[in-house]
Amino acid sequence: MTFGGGYYYAVGPVMAFVFVGVLVLLLRWTFSHGRSLVERRPKSGSSEEYGLLEVVAEPATFIEAEVLRRVLVDAGIRATLAPTTEGPRLMVFPEEASIARTVLADHRRRG
């Protein structure tokens, strides 16, 4: 008994070519540049390279910067700690900058 007439011997090589083709597509997608699913290491830049974000504090250490960031987050202000080439900078959106500076000034007076 034969499978599909005389096509039995053609099925094996066709399946091998399909498998290799799918493998090639997967490997191209995996090793392509610019569309990686793996997060890249953050690049340090100047404080002007962060788009709309505005610097509200220039702490000396990352520990101090994280404490100040938590103060802002606890006050309901979205804050980002950015590792710039000038050192750590605490950044917020421009519409929240004046409120953030006020919250940080109050925190310094109490602390």
PDB file of N, CA and C in Angstrom:
ATOM      1  N   MET A   1       0.849  -1.174   0.000  1.00  0.00           N
ATOM      2  CA  MET A   1       0.000   0.000   0.000  1.00  0.00           C
ATOM      3  C   MET A   1       0.893   1.234   0.000  1.00  0.00           C
ATOM      4  N   THR A   2       0.592   2.176  -0.850  1.00  0.00           N
ATOM      5  CA  THR A   2       1.387   3.397  -0.948  1.00  0.00           C
ATOM      6  C   THR A   2       0.593   4.570  -0.402  1.00  0.00           C
ATOM      7  N   PHE A   3       1.319   5.553   0.037  1.00  0.00           N
ATOM      8  CA  PHE A   3       0.721   6.760   0.603  1.00  0.00           C
ATOM      9  C   PHE A   3       0.589   7.802  -0.490  1.00  0.00           C
ATOM     10  N   GLY A   4      -0.632   8.107  -0.897  1.00  0.00           N
ATOM     11  CA  GLY A   4      -0.885   9.137  -1.892  1.00  0.00           C
ATOM     12  C   GLY A   4      -0.289   8.825  -3.247  1.00  0.00           C
ATOM     13  N   GLY A   5      -0.217   7.618  -3.590  1.00  0.00           N
ATOM     14  CA  GLY A   5       0.325   7.255  -4.884  1.00  0.00           C
ATOM     15  C   GLY A   5       1.841   7.346  -4.882  1.00  0.00           C
ATOM     16  N   GLY A   6       2.408   8.079  -5.829  1.00  0.00           N
ATOM     17  CA  GLY A   6       3.858   8.184  -5.943  1.00  0.00           C
ATOM     18  C   GLY A   6       4.434   9.374  -5.195  1.00  0.00           C
ATOM     19  N   TYR A   7       3.632  10.083  -4.402  1.00  0.00           N
ATOM     20  CA  TYR A   7       4.104  11.269  -3.692  1.00  0.00           C
ATOM     21  C   TYR A   7       4.760  10.963  -2.361  1.00  0.00           C
ATOM     22  N   TYR A   8       4.797   9.713  -1.951  1.00  0.00           N
ATOM     23  CA  TYR A   8       5.337   9.331  -0.654  1.00  0.00           C
ATOM     24  C   TYR A   8       6.793   9.764  -0.501  1.00  0.00           C
ATOM     25  N   TYR A   9       7.584   9.631  -1.557  1.00  0.00           N
ATOM     26  CA  TYR A   9       9.002   9.959  -1.469  1.00  0.00           C
ATOM     27  C   TYR A   9       9.258  11.460  -1.530  1.00  0.00           C
ATOM     28  N   ALA A  10       8.289  12.255  -1.944  1.00  0.00           N
ATOM     29  CA  ALA A  10       8.448  13.710  -2.008  1.00  0.00           C
ATOM     30  C   ALA A  10       8.073  14.380  -0.692  1.00  0.00           C
ATOM     31  N   VAL A  11       7.298  13.708   0.154  1.00  0.00           N
ATOM     32  CA  VAL A  11       6.822  14.310   1.402  1.00  0.00           C
ATOM     33  C   VAL A  11       7.987  14.566   2.364  1.00  0.00           C
ATOM     34  N   GLY A  12       8.894  13.634   2.484  1.00  0.00           N
ATOM     35  CA  GLY A  12      10.034  13.781   3.412  1.00  0.00           C
ATOM     36  C   GLY A  12      10.886  15.013   3.112  1.00  0.00           C
ATOM     37  N   PRO A  13      11.387  15.173   1.886  1.00  0.00           N
ATOM     38  CA  PRO A  13      12.186  16.362   1.575  1.00  0.00           C
ATOM     39  C   PRO A  13      11.403  17.666   1.692  1.00  0.00           C
ATOM     40  N   VAL A  14      10.127  17.666   1.324  1.00  0.00           N
ATOM     41  CA  VAL A  14       9.318  18.891   1.447  1.00  0.00           C
ATOM     42  C   VAL A  14       9.186  19.271   2.917  1.00  0.00           C
ATOM     43  N   MET A  15       8.916  18.296   3.789  1.00  0.00           N
ATOM     44  CA  MET A  15       8.813  18.571   5.225  1.00  0.00           C
ATOM     45  C   MET A  15      10.142  19.088   5.778  1.00  0.00           C
ATOM     46  N   ALA A  16      11.255  18.558   5.311  1.00  0.00           N
ATOM     47  CA  ALA A  16      12.565  19.024   5.759  1.00  0.00           C
ATOM     48  C   ALA A  16      12.782  20.477   5.341  1.00  0.00           C
ATOM     49  N   PHE A  17      12.425  20.837   4.106  1.00  0.00           N
ATOM     50  CA  PHE A  17      12.573  22.226   3.649  1.00  0.00           C
ATOM     51  C   PHE A  17      11.667  23.178   4.437  1.00  0.00           C
ATOM     52  N   VAL A  18      10.454  22.745   4.745  1.00  0.00           N
ATOM     53  CA  VAL A  18       9.539  23.569   5.540  1.00  0.00           C
ATOM     54  C   VAL A  18      10.116  23.785   6.938  1.00  0.00           C
ATOM     55  N   PHE A  19      10.624  22.723   7.550  1.00  0.00           N
ATOM     56  CA  PHE A  19      11.224  22.826   8.878  1.00  0.00           C
ATOM     57  C   PHE A  19      12.417  23.777   8.871  1.00  0.00           C
ATOM     58  N   VAL A  20      13.297  23.652   7.903  1.00  0.00           N
ATOM     59  CA  VAL A  20      14.470  24.537   7.807  1.00  0.00           C
ATOM     60  C   VAL A  20      14.021  25.979   7.559  1.00  0.00           C
ATOM     61  N   GLY A  21      12.997  26.168   6.737  1.00  0.00           N
ATOM     62  CA  GLY A  21      12.492  27.523   6.489  1.00  0.00           C
ATOM     63  C   GLY A  21      11.951  28.171   7.740  1.00  0.00           C
ATOM     64  N   VAL A  22      11.172  27.421   8.523  1.00  0.00           N
ATOM     65  CA  VAL A  22      10.641  27.951   9.779  1.00  0.00           C
ATOM     66  C   VAL A  22      11.786  28.247  10.744  1.00  0.00           C
ATOM     67  N   LEU A  23      12.766  27.389  10.800  1.00  0.00           N
ATOM     68  CA  LEU A  23      13.927  27.605  11.663  1.00  0.00           C
ATOM     69  C   LEU A  23      14.692  28.861  11.256  1.00  0.00           C
ATOM     70  N   VAL A  24      14.864  29.084   9.972  1.00  0.00           N
ATOM     71  CA  VAL A  24      15.546  30.286   9.484  1.00  0.00           C
ATOM     72  C   VAL A  24      14.771  31.542   9.881  1.00  0.00           C
ATOM     73  N   LEU A  25      13.462  31.522   9.730  1.00  0.00           N
ATOM     74  CA  LEU A  25      12.650  32.683  10.113  1.00  0.00           C
ATOM     75  C   LEU A  25      12.742  32.956  11.604  1.00  0.00           C
ATOM     76  N   LEU A  26      12.685  31.921  12.426  1.00  0.00           N
ATOM     77  CA  LEU A  26      12.809  32.113  13.873  1.00  0.00           C
ATOM     78  C   LEU A  26      14.176  32.677  14.259  1.00  0.00           C
ATOM     79  N   LEU A  27      15.228  32.176  13.646  1.00  0.00           N
ATOM     80  CA  LEU A  27      16.572  32.665  13.967  1.00  0.00           C
ATOM     81  C   LEU A  27      16.770  34.101  13.486  1.00  0.00           C
ATOM     82  N   ARG A  28      16.218  34.448  12.339  1.00  0.00           N
ATOM     83  CA  ARG A  28      16.316  35.846  11.869  1.00  0.00           C
ATOM     84  C   ARG A  28      15.606  36.783  12.826  1.00  0.00           C
ATOM     85  N   TRP A  29      14.433  36.382  13.300  1.00  0.00           N
ATOM     86  CA  TRP A  29      13.684  37.200  14.240  1.00  0.00           C
ATOM     87  C   TRP A  29      14.433  37.309  15.576  1.00  0.00           C
ATOM     88  N   THR A  30      15.025  36.208  16.026  1.00  0.00           N
ATOM     89  CA  THR A  30      15.728  36.195  17.298  1.00  0.00           C
ATOM     90  C   THR A  30      16.950  37.090  17.282  1.00  0.00           C
ATOM     91  N   PHE A  31      17.724  37.062  16.216  1.00  0.00           N
ATOM     92  CA  PHE A  31      18.982  37.794  16.170  1.00  0.00           C
ATOM     93  C   PHE A  31      18.912  39.100  15.393  1.00  0.00           C
ATOM     94  N   SER A  32      17.716  39.567  15.067  1.00  0.00           N
ATOM     95  CA  SER A  32      17.598  40.844  14.352  1.00  0.00           C
ATOM     96  C   SER A  32      17.911  41.987  15.311  1.00  0.00           C
ATOM     97  N   HIS A  33      18.394  43.096  14.783  1.00  0.00           N
ATOM     98  CA  HIS A  33      18.788  44.243  15.592  1.00  0.00           C
ATOM     99  C   HIS A  33      17.628  45.217  15.728  1.00  0.00           C
ATOM    100  N   GLY A  34      17.540  45.849  16.917  1.00  0.00           N
ATOM    101  CA  GLY A  34      16.578  46.920  17.125  1.00  0.00           C
ATOM    102  C   GLY A  34      15.207  46.493  17.586  1.00  0.00           C
ATOM    103  N   ARG A  35      14.924  45.222  17.601  1.00  0.00           N
ATOM    104  CA  ARG A  35      13.598  44.775  18.028  1.00  0.00           C
ATOM    105  C   ARG A  35      13.711  43.688  19.093  1.00  0.00           C
ATOM    106  N   SER A  36      14.636  43.836  19.992  1.00  0.00           N
ATOM    107  CA  SER A  36      14.864  42.821  21.003  1.00  0.00           C
ATOM    108  C   SER A  36      13.807  42.888  22.098  1.00  0.00           C
ATOM    109  N   LEU A  37      13.440  41.754  22.629  1.00  0.00           N
ATOM    110  CA  LEU A  37      12.519  41.694  23.754  1.00  0.00           C
ATOM    111  C   LEU A  37      13.259  41.836  25.082  1.00  0.00           C
ATOM    112  N   VAL A  38      14.585  41.757  25.032  1.00  0.00           N
ATOM    113  CA  VAL A  38      15.405  41.884  26.221  1.00  0.00           C
ATOM    114  C   VAL A  38      15.726  43.360  26.437  1.00  0.00           C
ATOM    115  N   GLU A  39      15.494  43.837  27.647  1.00  0.00           N
ATOM    116  CA  GLU A  39      15.740  45.245  27.941  1.00  0.00           C
ATOM    117  C   GLU A  39      17.238  45.526  27.917  1.00  0.00           C
ATOM    118  N   ARG A  40      17.604  46.636  27.309  1.00  0.00           N
ATOM    119  CA  ARG A  40      19.008  47.018  27.242  1.00  0.00           C
ATOM    120  C   ARG A  40      19.407  47.801  28.480  1.00  0.00           C
ATOM    121  N   ARG A  41      20.700  47.823  28.751  1.00  0.00           N
ATOM    122  CA  ARG A  41      21.199  48.593  29.892  1.00  0.00           C
ATOM    123  C   ARG A  41      20.942  50.071  29.641  1.00  0.00           C
ATOM    124  N   PRO A  42      20.525  50.794  30.681  1.00  0.00           N
ATOM    125  CA  PRO A  42      20.269  52.223  30.500  1.00  0.00           C
ATOM    126  C   PRO A  42      21.548  52.975  30.171  1.00  0.00           C
ATOM    127  N   LYS A  43      21.440  53.927  29.277  1.00  0.00           N
ATOM    128  CA  LYS A  43      22.575  54.734  28.853  1.00  0.00           C
ATOM    129  C   LYS A  43      22.516  56.070  29.592  1.00  0.00           C
ATOM    130  N   SER A  44      23.635  56.460  30.171  1.00  0.00           N
ATOM    131  CA  SER A  44      23.683  57.747  30.854  1.00  0.00           C
ATOM    132  C   SER A  44      23.875  58.856  29.841  1.00  0.00           C
ATOM    133  N   GLY A  45      23.105  59.906  30.001  1.00  0.00           N
ATOM    134  CA  GLY A  45      23.219  61.074  29.140  1.00  0.00           C
ATOM    135  C   GLY A  45      23.118  62.319  29.992  1.00  0.00           C
ATOM    136  N   SER A  46      23.131  63.454  29.361  1.00  0.00           N
ATOM    137  CA  SER A  46      22.975  64.693  30.112  1.00  0.00           C
ATOM    138  C   SER A  46      21.510  64.851  30.501  1.00  0.00           C
ATOM    139  N   SER A  47      21.241  65.743  31.430  1.00  0.00           N
ATOM    140  CA  SER A  47      19.870  65.921  31.904  1.00  0.00           C
ATOM    141  C   SER A  47      18.962  66.530  30.841  1.00  0.00           C
ATOM    142  N   GLU A  48      19.526  67.088  29.779  1.00  0.00           N
ATOM    143  CA  GLU A  48      18.720  67.655  28.690  1.00  0.00           C
ATOM    144  C   GLU A  48      18.235  66.581  27.714  1.00  0.00           C
ATOM    145  N   GLU A  49      18.721  65.358  27.840  1.00  0.00           N
ATOM    146  CA  GLU A  49      18.381  64.287  26.903  1.00  0.00           C
ATOM    147  C   GLU A  49      17.174  63.461  27.344  1.00  0.00           C
ATOM    148  N   TYR A  50      16.411  63.935  28.308  1.00  0.00           N
ATOM    149  CA  TYR A  50      15.303  63.159  28.832  1.00  0.00           C
ATOM    150  C   TYR A  50      13.951  63.689  28.392  1.00  0.00           C
ATOM    151  N   GLY A  51      13.888  64.325  27.261  1.00  0.00           N
ATOM    152  CA  GLY A  51      12.625  64.746  26.671  1.00  0.00           C
ATOM    153  C   GLY A  51      11.887  65.780  27.488  1.00  0.00           C
ATOM    154  N   LEU A  52      10.655  65.495  27.827  1.00  0.00           N
ATOM    155  CA  LEU A  52       9.806  66.440  28.534  1.00  0.00           C
ATOM    156  C   LEU A  52      10.132  66.560  30.016  1.00  0.00           C
ATOM    157  N   LEU A  53      10.869  65.630  30.559  1.00  0.00           N
ATOM    158  CA  LEU A  53      11.131  65.648  31.991  1.00  0.00           C
ATOM    159  C   LEU A  53      11.982  66.841  32.395  1.00  0.00           C
ATOM    160  N   GLU A  54      11.686  67.364  33.572  1.00  0.00           N
ATOM    161  CA  GLU A  54      12.366  68.553  34.088  1.00  0.00           C
ATOM    162  C   GLU A  54      13.039  68.203  35.411  1.00  0.00           C
ATOM    163  N   VAL A  55      14.273  68.662  35.591  1.00  0.00           N
ATOM    164  CA  VAL A  55      15.022  68.380  36.813  1.00  0.00           C
ATOM    165  C   VAL A  55      14.458  69.216  37.959  1.00  0.00           C
ATOM    166  N   VAL A  56      14.144  68.541  39.083  1.00  0.00           N
ATOM    167  CA  VAL A  56      13.657  69.248  40.267  1.00  0.00           C
ATOM    168  C   VAL A  56      14.606  69.108  41.449  1.00  0.00           C
ATOM    169  N   ALA A  57      15.549  68.169  41.381  1.00  0.00           N
ATOM    170  CA  ALA A  57      16.520  67.999  42.461  1.00  0.00           C
ATOM    171  C   ALA A  57      17.797  67.392  41.902  1.00  0.00           C
ATOM    172  N   GLU A  58      18.916  67.783  42.510  1.00  0.00           N
ATOM    173  CA  GLU A  58      20.228  67.274  42.120  1.00  0.00           C
ATOM    174  C   GLU A  58      20.927  66.693  43.342  1.00  0.00           C
ATOM    175  N   PRO A  59      20.460  65.544  43.839  1.00  0.00           N
ATOM    176  CA  PRO A  59      21.060  64.950  45.030  1.00  0.00           C
ATOM    177  C   PRO A  59      22.478  64.461  44.772  1.00  0.00           C
ATOM    178  N   ALA A  60      23.242  64.337  45.854  1.00  0.00           N
ATOM    179  CA  ALA A  60      24.644  63.932  45.726  1.00  0.00           C
ATOM    180  C   ALA A  60      24.797  62.433  45.488  1.00  0.00           C
ATOM    181  N   THR A  61      23.917  61.628  46.065  1.00  0.00           N
ATOM    182  CA  THR A  61      24.023  60.172  45.939  1.00  0.00           C
ATOM    183  C   THR A  61      22.713  59.595  45.434  1.00  0.00           C
ATOM    184  N   PHE A  62      22.785  58.349  44.964  1.00  0.00           N
ATOM    185  CA  PHE A  62      21.585  57.672  44.492  1.00  0.00           C
ATOM    186  C   PHE A  62      20.660  57.306  45.655  1.00  0.00           C
ATOM    187  N   ILE A  63      21.232  57.101  46.826  1.00  0.00           N
ATOM    188  CA  ILE A  63      20.411  56.788  47.999  1.00  0.00           C
ATOM    189  C   ILE A  63      19.554  58.001  48.365  1.00  0.00           C
ATOM    190  N   GLU A  64      20.181  59.163  48.424  1.00  0.00           N
ATOM    191  CA  GLU A  64      19.436  60.396  48.706  1.00  0.00           C
ATOM    192  C   GLU A  64      18.391  60.656  47.615  1.00  0.00           C
ATOM    193  N   ALA A  65      18.760  60.388  46.378  1.00  0.00           N
ATOM    194  CA  ALA A  65      17.836  60.592  45.264  1.00  0.00           C
ATOM    195  C   ALA A  65      16.624  59.675  45.384  1.00  0.00           C
ATOM    196  N   GLU A  66      16.846  58.427  45.776  1.00  0.00           N
ATOM    197  CA  GLU A  66      15.724  57.486  45.931  1.00  0.00           C
ATOM    198  C   GLU A  66      14.820  57.897  47.088  1.00  0.00           C
ATOM    199  N   VAL A  67      15.393  58.415  48.171  1.00  0.00           N
ATOM    200  CA  VAL A  67      14.576  58.902  49.292  1.00  0.00           C
ATOM    201  C   VAL A  67      13.697  60.064  48.817  1.00  0.00           C
ATOM    202  N   LEU A  68      14.270  60.994  48.062  1.00  0.00           N
ATOM    203  CA  LEU A  68      13.497  62.130  47.561  1.00  0.00           C
ATOM    204  C   LEU A  68      12.434  61.683  46.554  1.00  0.00           C
ATOM    205  N   ARG A  69      12.770  60.710  45.747  1.00  0.00           N
ATOM    206  CA  ARG A  69      11.795  60.191  44.783  1.00  0.00           C
ATOM    207  C   ARG A  69      10.604  59.584  45.509  1.00  0.00           C
ATOM    208  N   ARG A  70      10.871  58.838  46.597  1.00  0.00           N
ATOM    209  CA  ARG A  70       9.789  58.245  47.380  1.00  0.00           C
ATOM    210  C   ARG A  70       8.918  59.318  48.024  1.00  0.00           C
ATOM    211  N   VAL A  71       9.536  60.438  48.451  1.00  0.00           N
ATOM    212  CA  VAL A  71       8.757  61.544  49.016  1.00  0.00           C
ATOM    213  C   VAL A  71       7.778  62.062  47.972  1.00  0.00           C
ATOM    214  N   LEU A  72       8.251  62.232  46.746  1.00  0.00           N
ATOM    215  CA  LEU A  72       7.373  62.725  45.678  1.00  0.00           C
ATOM    216  C   LEU A  72       6.291  61.719  45.326  1.00  0.00           C
ATOM    217  N   VAL A  73       6.648  60.455  45.234  1.00  0.00           N
ATOM    218  CA  VAL A  73       5.667  59.418  44.907  1.00  0.00           C
ATOM    219  C   VAL A  73       4.602  59.343  45.998  1.00  0.00           C
ATOM    220  N   ASP A  74       5.012  59.444  47.254  1.00  0.00           N
ATOM    221  CA  ASP A  74       4.050  59.423  48.355  1.00  0.00           C
ATOM    222  C   ASP A  74       3.117  60.635  48.304  1.00  0.00           C
ATOM    223  N   ALA A  75       3.577  61.746  47.711  1.00  0.00           N
ATOM    224  CA  ALA A  75       2.745  62.942  47.556  1.00  0.00           C
ATOM    225  C   ALA A  75       1.882  62.866  46.293  1.00  0.00           C
ATOM    226  N   GLY A  76       1.990  61.767  45.544  1.00  0.00           N
ATOM    227  CA  GLY A  76       1.165  61.593  44.344  1.00  0.00           C
ATOM    228  C   GLY A  76       1.761  62.198  43.087  1.00  0.00           C
ATOM    229  N   ILE A  77       3.063  62.448  43.098  1.00  0.00           N
ATOM    230  CA  ILE A  77       3.737  63.041  41.935  1.00  0.00           C
ATOM    231  C   ILE A  77       4.573  61.959  41.256  1.00  0.00           C
ATOM    232  N   ARG A  78       4.401  61.815  39.949  1.00  0.00           N
ATOM    233  CA  ARG A  78       5.200  60.844  39.191  1.00  0.00           C
ATOM    234  C   ARG A  78       6.617  61.383  39.070  1.00  0.00           C
ATOM    235  N   ALA A  79       7.575  60.638  39.564  1.00  0.00           N
ATOM    236  CA  ALA A  79       8.972  61.085  39.560  1.00  0.00           C
ATOM    237  C   ALA A  79       9.872  59.986  39.016  1.00  0.00           C
ATOM    238  N   THR A  80      10.939  60.411  38.345  1.00  0.00           N
ATOM    239  CA  THR A  80      11.908  59.494  37.762  1.00  0.00           C
ATOM    240  C   THR A  80      13.291  59.820  38.290  1.00  0.00           C
ATOM    241  N   LEU A  81      14.037  58.791  38.657  1.00  0.00           N
ATOM    242  CA  LEU A  81      15.431  58.948  39.056  1.00  0.00           C
ATOM    243  C   LEU A  81      16.282  58.623  37.843  1.00  0.00           C
ATOM    244  N   ALA A  82      16.989  59.610  37.325  1.00  0.00           N
ATOM    245  CA  ALA A  82      17.757  59.435  36.092  1.00  0.00           C
ATOM    246  C   ALA A  82      19.255  59.468  36.387  1.00  0.00           C
ATOM    247  N   PRO A  83      20.003  58.460  35.927  1.00  0.00           N
ATOM    248  CA  PRO A  83      21.458  58.467  36.085  1.00  0.00           C
ATOM    249  C   PRO A  83      22.104  59.268  34.958  1.00  0.00           C
ATOM    250  N   THR A  84      22.288  60.562  35.152  1.00  0.00           N
ATOM    251  CA  THR A  84      22.859  61.410  34.110  1.00  0.00           C
ATOM    252  C   THR A  84      24.375  61.442  34.236  1.00  0.00           C
ATOM    253  N   THR A  85      25.014  62.029  33.247  1.00  0.00           N
ATOM    254  CA  THR A  85      26.471  62.164  33.295  1.00  0.00           C
ATOM    255  C   THR A  85      26.906  63.163  34.357  1.00  0.00           C
ATOM    256  N   GLU A  86      25.994  64.023  34.814  1.00  0.00           N
ATOM    257  CA  GLU A  86      26.305  64.980  35.873  1.00  0.00           C
ATOM    258  C   GLU A  86      26.020  64.408  37.255  1.00  0.00           C
ATOM    259  N   GLY A  87      25.525  63.186  37.327  1.00  0.00           N
ATOM    260  CA  GLY A  87      25.152  62.568  38.595  1.00  0.00           C
ATOM    261  C   GLY A  87      23.664  62.269  38.603  1.00  0.00           C
ATOM    262  N   PRO A  88      23.147  61.759  39.718  1.00  0.00           N
ATOM    263  CA  PRO A  88      21.722  61.433  39.766  1.00  0.00           C
ATOM    264  C   PRO A  88      20.865  62.695  39.733  1.00  0.00           C
ATOM    265  N   ARG A  89      19.780  62.623  38.982  1.00  0.00           N
ATOM    266  CA  ARG A  89      18.848  63.749  38.882  1.00  0.00           C
ATOM    267  C   ARG A  89      17.436  63.225  39.091  1.00  0.00           C
ATOM    268  N   LEU A  90      16.665  63.982  39.840  1.00  0.00           N
ATOM    269  CA  LEU A  90      15.265  63.661  40.076  1.00  0.00           C
ATOM    270  C   LEU A  90      14.445  64.479  39.106  1.00  0.00           C
ATOM    271  N   MET A  91      13.627  63.799  38.282  1.00  0.00           N
ATOM    272  CA  MET A  91      12.917  64.471  37.202  1.00  0.00           C
ATOM    273  C   MET A  91      11.415  64.207  37.285  1.00  0.00           C
ATOM    274  N   VAL A  92      10.647  65.230  36.896  1.00  0.00           N
ATOM    275  CA  VAL A  92       9.188  65.127  36.844  1.00  0.00           C
ATOM    276  C   VAL A  92       8.707  65.804  35.566  1.00  0.00           C
ATOM    277  N   PHE A  93       7.430  65.628  35.263  1.00  0.00           N
ATOM    278  CA  PHE A  93       6.854  66.322  34.114  1.00  0.00           C
ATOM    279  C   PHE A  93       6.686  67.804  34.433  1.00  0.00           C
ATOM    280  N   PRO A  94       6.780  68.680  33.431  1.00  0.00           N
ATOM    281  CA  PRO A  94       6.749  70.131  33.665  1.00  0.00           C
ATOM    282  C   PRO A  94       5.515  70.617  34.425  1.00  0.00           C
ATOM    283  N   GLU A  95       4.347  70.013  34.182  1.00  0.00           N
ATOM    284  CA  GLU A  95       3.144  70.485  34.870  1.00  0.00           C
ATOM    285  C   GLU A  95       3.158  70.164  36.366  1.00  0.00           C
ATOM    286  N   GLU A  96       4.024  69.250  36.802  1.00  0.00           N
ATOM    287  CA  GLU A  96       4.127  68.907  38.212  1.00  0.00           C
ATOM    288  C   GLU A  96       5.393  69.447  38.861  1.00  0.00           C
ATOM    289  N   ALA A  97       6.225  70.170  38.102  1.00  0.00           N
ATOM    290  CA  ALA A  97       7.533  70.608  38.604  1.00  0.00           C
ATOM    291  C   ALA A  97       7.415  71.571  39.780  1.00  0.00           C
ATOM    292  N   SER A  98       6.544  72.556  39.697  1.00  0.00           N
ATOM    293  CA  SER A  98       6.456  73.528  40.791  1.00  0.00           C
ATOM    294  C   SER A  98       5.922  72.871  42.057  1.00  0.00           C
ATOM    295  N   ILE A  99       4.959  71.965  41.926  1.00  0.00           N
ATOM    296  CA  ILE A  99       4.441  71.250  43.093  1.00  0.00           C
ATOM    297  C   ILE A  99       5.534  70.368  43.689  1.00  0.00           C
ATOM    298  N   ALA A 100       6.303  69.709  42.840  1.00  0.00           N
ATOM    299  CA  ALA A 100       7.379  68.839  43.311  1.00  0.00           C
ATOM    300  C   ALA A 100       8.437  69.641  44.069  1.00  0.00           C
ATOM    301  N   ARG A 101       8.792  70.812  43.559  1.00  0.00           N
ATOM    302  CA  ARG A 101       9.785  71.648  44.257  1.00  0.00           C
ATOM    303  C   ARG A 101       9.261  72.089  45.627  1.00  0.00           C
ATOM    304  N   THR A 102       7.973  72.394  45.702  1.00  0.00           N
ATOM    305  CA  THR A 102       7.370  72.785  46.977  1.00  0.00           C
ATOM    306  C   THR A 102       7.389  71.618  47.966  1.00  0.00           C
ATOM    307  N   VAL A 103       7.028  70.429  47.506  1.00  0.00           N
ATOM    308  CA  VAL A 103       7.034  69.239  48.363  1.00  0.00           C
ATOM    309  C   VAL A 103       8.442  68.951  48.858  1.00  0.00           C
ATOM    310  N   LEU A 104       9.433  69.064  47.974  1.00  0.00           N
ATOM    311  CA  LEU A 104      10.821  68.810  48.376  1.00  0.00           C
ATOM    312  C   LEU A 104      11.322  69.871  49.344  1.00  0.00           C
ATOM    313  N   ALA A 105      10.934  71.135  49.153  1.00  0.00           N
ATOM    314  CA  ALA A 105      11.334  72.201  50.086  1.00  0.00           C
ATOM    315  C   ALA A 105      10.726  71.954  51.464  1.00  0.00           C
ATOM    316  N   ASP A 106       9.466  71.541  51.511  1.00  0.00           N
ATOM    317  CA  ASP A 106       8.821  71.218  52.789  1.00  0.00           C
ATOM    318  C   ASP A 106       9.515  70.043  53.463  1.00  0.00           C
ATOM    319  N   HIS A 107       9.902  69.060  52.681  1.00  0.00           N
ATOM    320  CA  HIS A 107      10.595  67.885  53.222  1.00  0.00           C
ATOM    321  C   HIS A 107      11.947  68.283  53.821  1.00  0.00           C
ATOM    322  N   ARG A 108      12.677  69.172  53.153  1.00  0.00           N
ATOM    323  CA  ARG A 108      13.983  69.624  53.676  1.00  0.00           C
ATOM    324  C   ARG A 108      13.811  70.419  54.964  1.00  0.00           C
ATOM    325  N   ARG A 109      12.769  71.236  55.054  1.00  0.00           N
ATOM    326  CA  ARG A 109      12.539  72.016  56.268  1.00  0.00           C
ATOM    327  C   ARG A 109      12.195  71.121  57.451  1.00  0.00           C
ATOM    328  N   ARG A 110      11.408  70.080  57.189  1.00  0.00           N
ATOM    329  CA  ARG A 110      11.041  69.170  58.281  1.00  0.00           C
ATOM    330  C   ARG A 110      12.159  68.245  58.668  1.00  0.00           C
ATOM    331  N   GLY A 111      12.993  67.871  57.677  1.00  0.00           N
ATOM    332  CA  GLY A 111      14.038  66.866  57.929  1.00  0.00           C
ATOM    333  C   GLY A 111      15.281  67.462  58.371  1.00  0.00           C
TER     334      GLY A 111
END
